[in-house]
Amino acid sequence: MRVVEQDWRSLDQFPFGDGPELADELLALILEGKKTATCWSVAEGLKGSEVGKRWVAQDGAGRPRAVLETTELTQRRFDAVDAPFAFEEGEDDRTLESWAREHEAYFTRNGGYAPDMLLWCERFRLIEILGEGADQ
């Protein structure tokens, strides 16, 4: 049986975070291998995510930079996120305390935070790094 690789140009594409600077910071963590997880509010919907789906992370300028594949997708409350997940998000000092502080600030500035808010928690793996000049 022959496996046909999917052309990354046909995949969903979006940046991480809520602005160009944060998108570039989070992308750098992915490219370094430090960031292998992310989360978002259940209120935003599933955003088309599913285990096994591949997608493209963009940089802050909207350029495609990395092909990722979802390996796990779970729903949990903000106050139930654990230290291993916070570590895999790869941000700041990778502790649960810094994760909670930074994500509370993020959700507060993007529509609302509550300690019991439901999140989609996604783990992913890096499939391919795309060059800075990758065309869209």
N, C-alpha and C. Protein backbone atom coordinates (compact mmCIF):
# COMPACT_ATOMS: atom_id res chain seq x y z
N MET A 1 0.84 -1.18 0.00
CA MET A 1 0.00 0.00 0.00
C MET A 1 0.89 1.24 0.00
N ARG A 2 0.60 2.18 -0.85
CA ARG A 2 1.37 3.40 -0.99
C ARG A 2 0.70 4.53 -0.22
N VAL A 3 1.48 5.23 0.59
CA VAL A 3 0.95 6.37 1.34
C VAL A 3 1.19 7.63 0.52
N VAL A 4 0.14 8.39 0.29
CA VAL A 4 0.26 9.64 -0.46
C VAL A 4 0.26 10.79 0.54
N GLU A 5 1.32 11.57 0.54
CA GLU A 5 1.41 12.72 1.44
C GLU A 5 0.48 13.82 0.94
N GLN A 6 -0.18 14.48 1.86
CA GLN A 6 -1.09 15.56 1.51
C GLN A 6 -0.28 16.84 1.31
N ASP A 7 -0.58 17.60 0.28
CA ASP A 7 0.08 18.87 0.03
C ASP A 7 -0.35 19.85 1.12
N TRP A 8 0.61 20.47 1.78
CA TRP A 8 0.30 21.37 2.90
C TRP A 8 -0.55 22.56 2.47
N ARG A 9 -0.51 22.94 1.20
CA ARG A 9 -1.28 24.09 0.74
C ARG A 9 -2.79 23.87 0.84
N SER A 10 -3.21 22.61 0.90
CA SER A 10 -4.64 22.30 0.99
C SER A 10 -5.13 22.23 2.44
N LEU A 11 -4.23 22.39 3.40
CA LEU A 11 -4.58 22.27 4.81
C LEU A 11 -5.09 23.59 5.37
N ASP A 12 -5.90 23.51 6.45
CA ASP A 12 -6.31 24.71 7.18
C ASP A 12 -5.05 25.40 7.69
N GLN A 13 -5.05 26.74 7.67
CA GLN A 13 -3.89 27.51 8.09
C GLN A 13 -4.32 28.64 9.01
N PHE A 14 -3.58 28.83 10.09
CA PHE A 14 -3.84 29.95 10.99
C PHE A 14 -2.66 30.16 11.91
N PRO A 15 -2.53 31.36 12.48
CA PRO A 15 -1.48 31.63 13.46
C PRO A 15 -1.95 31.29 14.87
N PHE A 16 -1.03 31.04 15.76
CA PHE A 16 -1.35 30.88 17.18
C PHE A 16 -1.47 32.27 17.81
N GLY A 17 -2.16 32.36 18.94
CA GLY A 17 -2.21 33.60 19.71
C GLY A 17 -3.22 34.59 19.19
N ASP A 18 -3.09 35.83 19.69
CA ASP A 18 -4.06 36.87 19.36
C ASP A 18 -3.40 38.11 18.76
N GLY A 19 -2.26 37.92 18.13
CA GLY A 19 -1.60 39.03 17.46
C GLY A 19 -0.29 38.56 16.86
N PRO A 20 0.28 39.36 15.96
CA PRO A 20 1.50 38.95 15.25
C PRO A 20 2.68 38.62 16.17
N GLU A 21 2.89 39.41 17.20
CA GLU A 21 4.03 39.17 18.09
C GLU A 21 3.89 37.84 18.82
N LEU A 22 2.71 37.58 19.37
CA LEU A 22 2.49 36.32 20.08
C LEU A 22 2.54 35.15 19.09
N ALA A 23 2.02 35.33 17.89
CA ALA A 23 2.08 34.26 16.88
C ALA A 23 3.53 33.87 16.61
N ASP A 24 4.40 34.86 16.47
CA ASP A 24 5.82 34.58 16.21
C ASP A 24 6.48 33.90 17.42
N GLU A 25 6.15 34.35 18.63
CA GLU A 25 6.71 33.74 19.84
C GLU A 25 6.31 32.27 19.95
N LEU A 26 5.03 31.99 19.75
CA LEU A 26 4.53 30.62 19.90
C LEU A 26 5.05 29.73 18.78
N LEU A 27 5.14 30.26 17.57
CA LEU A 27 5.71 29.50 16.46
C LEU A 27 7.16 29.13 16.75
N ALA A 28 7.93 30.05 17.29
CA ALA A 28 9.33 29.77 17.62
C ALA A 28 9.41 28.60 18.61
N LEU A 29 8.52 28.56 19.58
CA LEU A 29 8.50 27.45 20.55
C LEU A 29 8.18 26.13 19.86
N ILE A 30 7.29 26.16 18.89
CA ILE A 30 6.96 24.95 18.13
C ILE A 30 8.18 24.48 17.35
N LEU A 31 8.84 25.40 16.66
CA LEU A 31 9.99 25.05 15.84
C LEU A 31 11.16 24.54 16.68
N GLU A 32 11.26 25.01 17.94
CA GLU A 32 12.29 24.55 18.87
C GLU A 32 11.94 23.20 19.49
N GLY A 33 10.70 22.76 19.31
CA GLY A 33 10.26 21.50 19.91
C GLY A 33 9.74 21.63 21.32
N LYS A 34 9.61 22.86 21.83
CA LYS A 34 9.13 23.07 23.20
C LYS A 34 7.61 23.08 23.30
N LYS A 35 6.92 23.54 22.27
CA LYS A 35 5.46 23.65 22.32
C LYS A 35 4.85 22.52 21.52
N THR A 36 4.14 21.64 22.22
CA THR A 36 3.45 20.52 21.58
C THR A 36 1.99 20.42 22.03
N ALA A 37 1.48 21.54 22.58
CA ALA A 37 0.09 21.57 23.04
C ALA A 37 -0.43 22.99 22.97
N THR A 38 -1.74 23.09 22.91
CA THR A 38 -2.41 24.39 22.92
C THR A 38 -3.82 24.21 23.47
N CYS A 39 -4.48 25.32 23.76
CA CYS A 39 -5.87 25.23 24.23
C CYS A 39 -6.62 26.47 23.81
N TRP A 40 -7.94 26.35 23.83
CA TRP A 40 -8.82 27.48 23.54
C TRP A 40 -10.15 27.23 24.21
N SER A 41 -10.93 28.29 24.33
CA SER A 41 -12.23 28.22 24.98
C SER A 41 -13.21 27.37 24.17
N VAL A 42 -13.95 26.52 24.85
CA VAL A 42 -14.99 25.72 24.20
C VAL A 42 -16.01 26.65 23.52
N ALA A 43 -16.18 27.85 24.07
CA ALA A 43 -17.12 28.81 23.47
C ALA A 43 -16.74 29.17 22.03
N GLU A 44 -15.47 29.01 21.67
CA GLU A 44 -15.02 29.29 20.29
C GLU A 44 -15.36 28.15 19.34
N GLY A 45 -15.83 27.04 19.87
CA GLY A 45 -16.14 25.89 19.03
C GLY A 45 -14.94 24.98 18.85
N LEU A 46 -15.13 23.93 18.12
CA LEU A 46 -14.07 22.93 17.92
C LEU A 46 -13.05 23.37 16.87
N LYS A 47 -13.39 24.35 16.07
CA LYS A 47 -12.50 24.91 15.04
C LYS A 47 -12.02 23.87 14.03
N GLY A 48 -12.79 22.84 13.85
CA GLY A 48 -12.42 21.82 12.87
C GLY A 48 -11.37 20.84 13.33
N SER A 49 -10.94 20.93 14.58
CA SER A 49 -9.90 20.03 15.09
C SER A 49 -10.44 18.63 15.28
N GLU A 50 -9.58 17.67 15.03
CA GLU A 50 -9.86 16.27 15.33
C GLU A 50 -8.54 15.52 15.33
N VAL A 51 -8.48 14.45 16.09
CA VAL A 51 -7.27 13.64 16.18
C VAL A 51 -6.92 13.12 14.79
N GLY A 52 -5.65 13.28 14.42
CA GLY A 52 -5.17 12.84 13.12
C GLY A 52 -5.19 13.91 12.05
N LYS A 53 -5.86 15.02 12.32
CA LYS A 53 -5.95 16.10 11.33
C LYS A 53 -4.63 16.87 11.28
N ARG A 54 -4.20 17.21 10.08
CA ARG A 54 -3.02 18.05 9.87
C ARG A 54 -3.45 19.46 9.52
N TRP A 55 -2.64 20.43 9.94
CA TRP A 55 -2.92 21.84 9.71
C TRP A 55 -1.61 22.60 9.68
N VAL A 56 -1.67 23.84 9.27
CA VAL A 56 -0.47 24.66 9.11
C VAL A 56 -0.49 25.82 10.09
N ALA A 57 0.60 25.96 10.84
CA ALA A 57 0.78 27.12 11.71
C ALA A 57 1.44 28.23 10.90
N GLN A 58 0.88 29.41 11.00
CA GLN A 58 1.43 30.57 10.30
C GLN A 58 2.23 31.43 11.27
N ASP A 59 3.14 32.23 10.72
CA ASP A 59 3.85 33.20 11.55
C ASP A 59 2.99 34.45 11.69
N GLY A 60 3.51 35.45 12.37
CA GLY A 60 2.75 36.67 12.63
C GLY A 60 2.38 37.46 11.38
N ALA A 61 3.07 37.20 10.27
CA ALA A 61 2.76 37.88 9.01
C ALA A 61 1.82 37.05 8.14
N GLY A 62 1.36 35.91 8.66
CA GLY A 62 0.44 35.06 7.92
C GLY A 62 1.10 34.10 6.95
N ARG A 63 2.42 33.94 7.06
CA ARG A 63 3.13 33.00 6.18
C ARG A 63 3.09 31.60 6.77
N PRO A 64 2.87 30.58 5.96
CA PRO A 64 2.87 29.19 6.45
C PRO A 64 4.27 28.77 6.87
N ARG A 65 4.39 28.22 8.10
CA ARG A 65 5.72 27.89 8.60
C ARG A 65 5.90 26.46 9.10
N ALA A 66 4.80 25.79 9.48
CA ALA A 66 4.94 24.44 10.01
C ALA A 66 3.67 23.63 9.81
N VAL A 67 3.84 22.37 9.46
CA VAL A 67 2.72 21.44 9.38
C VAL A 67 2.67 20.69 10.70
N LEU A 68 1.49 20.69 11.32
CA LEU A 68 1.27 20.03 12.60
C LEU A 68 0.18 18.99 12.45
N GLU A 69 0.16 18.02 13.36
CA GLU A 69 -0.87 17.00 13.36
C GLU A 69 -1.41 16.83 14.78
N THR A 70 -2.72 16.90 14.92
CA THR A 70 -3.36 16.73 16.23
C THR A 70 -3.23 15.27 16.67
N THR A 71 -2.72 15.07 17.90
CA THR A 71 -2.56 13.73 18.44
C THR A 71 -3.53 13.43 19.59
N GLU A 72 -4.06 14.49 20.20
CA GLU A 72 -5.01 14.31 21.30
C GLU A 72 -5.88 15.55 21.40
N LEU A 73 -7.14 15.36 21.70
CA LEU A 73 -8.07 16.46 21.86
C LEU A 73 -9.01 16.11 23.00
N THR A 74 -8.94 16.88 24.07
CA THR A 74 -9.78 16.63 25.24
C THR A 74 -10.41 17.94 25.69
N GLN A 75 -11.47 17.81 26.46
CA GLN A 75 -12.13 18.96 27.02
C GLN A 75 -11.94 18.92 28.53
N ARG A 76 -11.52 20.06 29.11
CA ARG A 76 -11.40 20.13 30.57
C ARG A 76 -11.57 21.56 31.04
N ARG A 77 -11.85 21.68 32.32
CA ARG A 77 -12.00 23.00 32.91
C ARG A 77 -10.64 23.67 33.05
N PHE A 78 -10.64 24.99 32.99
CA PHE A 78 -9.40 25.76 33.16
C PHE A 78 -8.69 25.35 34.44
N ASP A 79 -9.44 25.27 35.54
CA ASP A 79 -8.83 24.95 36.83
C ASP A 79 -8.49 23.46 36.99
N ALA A 80 -8.72 22.67 35.95
CA ALA A 80 -8.35 21.25 35.99
C ALA A 80 -7.17 20.93 35.06
N VAL A 81 -6.63 21.96 34.40
CA VAL A 81 -5.44 21.73 33.58
C VAL A 81 -4.31 21.34 34.52
N ASP A 82 -3.54 20.33 34.12
CA ASP A 82 -2.49 19.82 34.99
C ASP A 82 -1.10 20.29 34.55
N ALA A 83 -0.12 20.05 35.41
CA ALA A 83 1.26 20.48 35.16
C ALA A 83 1.85 19.88 33.89
N PRO A 84 1.61 18.59 33.59
CA PRO A 84 2.17 18.07 32.33
C PRO A 84 1.65 18.80 31.09
N PHE A 85 0.36 19.14 31.08
CA PHE A 85 -0.18 19.86 29.92
C PHE A 85 0.44 21.26 29.85
N ALA A 86 0.52 21.94 30.99
CA ALA A 86 1.12 23.28 31.01
C ALA A 86 2.56 23.23 30.51
N PHE A 87 3.30 22.20 30.89
CA PHE A 87 4.68 22.04 30.43
C PHE A 87 4.72 21.87 28.91
N GLU A 88 3.80 21.06 28.38
CA GLU A 88 3.78 20.81 26.93
C GLU A 88 3.34 22.03 26.13
N GLU A 89 2.63 22.97 26.75
CA GLU A 89 2.32 24.22 26.05
C GLU A 89 3.60 25.00 25.78
N GLY A 90 4.65 24.76 26.59
CA GLY A 90 5.98 25.26 26.29
C GLY A 90 6.25 26.73 26.56
N GLU A 91 5.34 27.42 27.20
CA GLU A 91 5.46 28.87 27.35
C GLU A 91 6.07 29.26 28.70
N ASP A 92 6.67 30.45 28.73
CA ASP A 92 7.25 31.04 29.93
C ASP A 92 8.20 30.03 30.59
N ASP A 93 8.04 29.75 31.89
CA ASP A 93 8.94 28.79 32.55
C ASP A 93 8.35 27.38 32.57
N ARG A 94 7.24 27.18 31.86
CA ARG A 94 6.59 25.89 31.65
C ARG A 94 5.94 25.30 32.91
N THR A 95 5.76 26.13 33.94
CA THR A 95 5.09 25.65 35.16
C THR A 95 3.59 25.87 35.05
N LEU A 96 2.84 25.13 35.86
CA LEU A 96 1.39 25.30 35.90
C LEU A 96 1.03 26.71 36.36
N GLU A 97 1.79 27.26 37.30
CA GLU A 97 1.51 28.61 37.81
C GLU A 97 1.64 29.65 36.71
N SER A 98 2.71 29.59 35.93
CA SER A 98 2.87 30.58 34.85
C SER A 98 1.84 30.34 33.75
N TRP A 99 1.53 29.08 33.48
CA TRP A 99 0.50 28.77 32.48
C TRP A 99 -0.82 29.43 32.89
N ALA A 100 -1.22 29.23 34.16
CA ALA A 100 -2.50 29.78 34.63
C ALA A 100 -2.50 31.30 34.57
N ARG A 101 -1.42 31.93 34.98
CA ARG A 101 -1.33 33.40 34.96
C ARG A 101 -1.44 33.94 33.53
N GLU A 102 -0.64 33.39 32.62
CA GLU A 102 -0.62 33.88 31.24
C GLU A 102 -1.93 33.58 30.50
N HIS A 103 -2.51 32.42 30.75
CA HIS A 103 -3.76 32.07 30.07
C HIS A 103 -4.95 32.83 30.66
N GLU A 104 -4.93 33.13 31.94
CA GLU A 104 -5.99 33.98 32.51
C GLU A 104 -5.95 35.35 31.84
N ALA A 105 -4.75 35.90 31.65
CA ALA A 105 -4.62 37.20 30.98
C ALA A 105 -5.10 37.11 29.53
N TYR A 106 -4.71 36.04 28.84
CA TYR A 106 -5.11 35.85 27.45
C TYR A 106 -6.62 35.77 27.31
N PHE A 107 -7.25 34.91 28.11
CA PHE A 107 -8.71 34.75 28.00
C PHE A 107 -9.45 36.01 28.46
N THR A 108 -8.91 36.73 29.43
CA THR A 108 -9.53 37.98 29.88
C THR A 108 -9.56 39.00 28.75
N ARG A 109 -8.46 39.13 28.02
CA ARG A 109 -8.43 40.13 26.93
C ARG A 109 -9.14 39.65 25.67
N ASN A 110 -9.52 38.37 25.62
CA ASN A 110 -10.18 37.83 24.43
C ASN A 110 -11.59 37.32 24.70
N GLY A 111 -12.32 38.02 25.54
CA GLY A 111 -13.73 37.69 25.67
C GLY A 111 -14.18 37.12 26.98
N GLY A 112 -13.27 36.87 27.89
CA GLY A 112 -13.72 36.45 29.20
C GLY A 112 -13.00 35.25 29.77
N TYR A 113 -12.78 35.32 31.06
CA TYR A 113 -12.10 34.26 31.80
C TYR A 113 -12.97 33.88 32.99
N ALA A 114 -12.98 32.60 33.30
CA ALA A 114 -13.58 32.10 34.53
C ALA A 114 -12.77 30.87 34.93
N PRO A 115 -12.52 30.66 36.22
CA PRO A 115 -11.71 29.52 36.65
C PRO A 115 -12.30 28.17 36.23
N ASP A 116 -13.63 28.15 36.04
CA ASP A 116 -14.28 26.89 35.67
C ASP A 116 -14.65 26.83 34.18
N MET A 117 -14.12 27.76 33.39
CA MET A 117 -14.44 27.76 31.96
C MET A 117 -13.93 26.49 31.31
N LEU A 118 -14.67 26.02 30.31
CA LEU A 118 -14.28 24.81 29.60
C LEU A 118 -13.32 25.15 28.47
N LEU A 119 -12.30 24.31 28.33
CA LEU A 119 -11.29 24.47 27.29
C LEU A 119 -11.22 23.22 26.43
N TRP A 120 -10.86 23.42 25.16
CA TRP A 120 -10.39 22.32 24.34
C TRP A 120 -8.88 22.30 24.54
N CYS A 121 -8.35 21.16 24.93
CA CYS A 121 -6.91 20.99 25.14
C CYS A 121 -6.40 20.04 24.07
N GLU A 122 -5.49 20.54 23.26
CA GLU A 122 -5.01 19.79 22.11
C GLU A 122 -3.51 19.56 22.21
N ARG A 123 -3.12 18.32 21.95
CA ARG A 123 -1.71 18.00 21.80
C ARG A 123 -1.47 17.75 20.32
N PHE A 124 -0.28 18.12 19.86
CA PHE A 124 0.04 17.97 18.44
C PHE A 124 1.51 17.63 18.28
N ARG A 125 1.86 17.21 17.08
CA ARG A 125 3.27 16.94 16.77
C ARG A 125 3.65 17.70 15.51
N LEU A 126 4.91 18.06 15.45
CA LEU A 126 5.45 18.76 14.30
C LEU A 126 5.74 17.74 13.20
N ILE A 127 5.17 17.94 12.04
CA ILE A 127 5.34 17.05 10.90
C ILE A 127 6.41 17.58 9.96
N GLU A 128 6.36 18.88 9.68
CA GLU A 128 7.28 19.45 8.71
C GLU A 128 7.47 20.93 8.98
N ILE A 129 8.71 21.40 8.86
CA ILE A 129 9.00 22.83 8.94
C ILE A 129 9.02 23.35 7.51
N LEU A 130 8.25 24.41 7.29
CA LEU A 130 8.19 25.02 5.96
C LEU A 130 9.15 26.22 5.95
N GLY A 131 9.81 26.44 4.85
CA GLY A 131 10.76 27.55 4.75
C GLY A 131 10.09 28.90 4.91
N GLU A 132 10.88 29.89 5.30
CA GLU A 132 10.33 31.24 5.48
C GLU A 132 9.73 31.77 4.20
N GLY A 133 10.20 31.28 3.07
CA GLY A 133 9.68 31.75 1.79
C GLY A 133 8.58 30.87 1.23
N ALA A 134 8.01 29.97 2.06
CA ALA A 134 6.96 29.08 1.55
C ALA A 134 5.82 29.92 0.98
N ASP A 135 5.43 29.56 -0.24
CA ASP A 135 4.34 30.32 -0.85
C ASP A 135 3.00 29.72 -0.46
N GLN A 136 2.01 30.59 -0.45
CA GLN A 136 0.68 30.18 -0.01
C GLN A 136 -0.10 29.71 -1.11
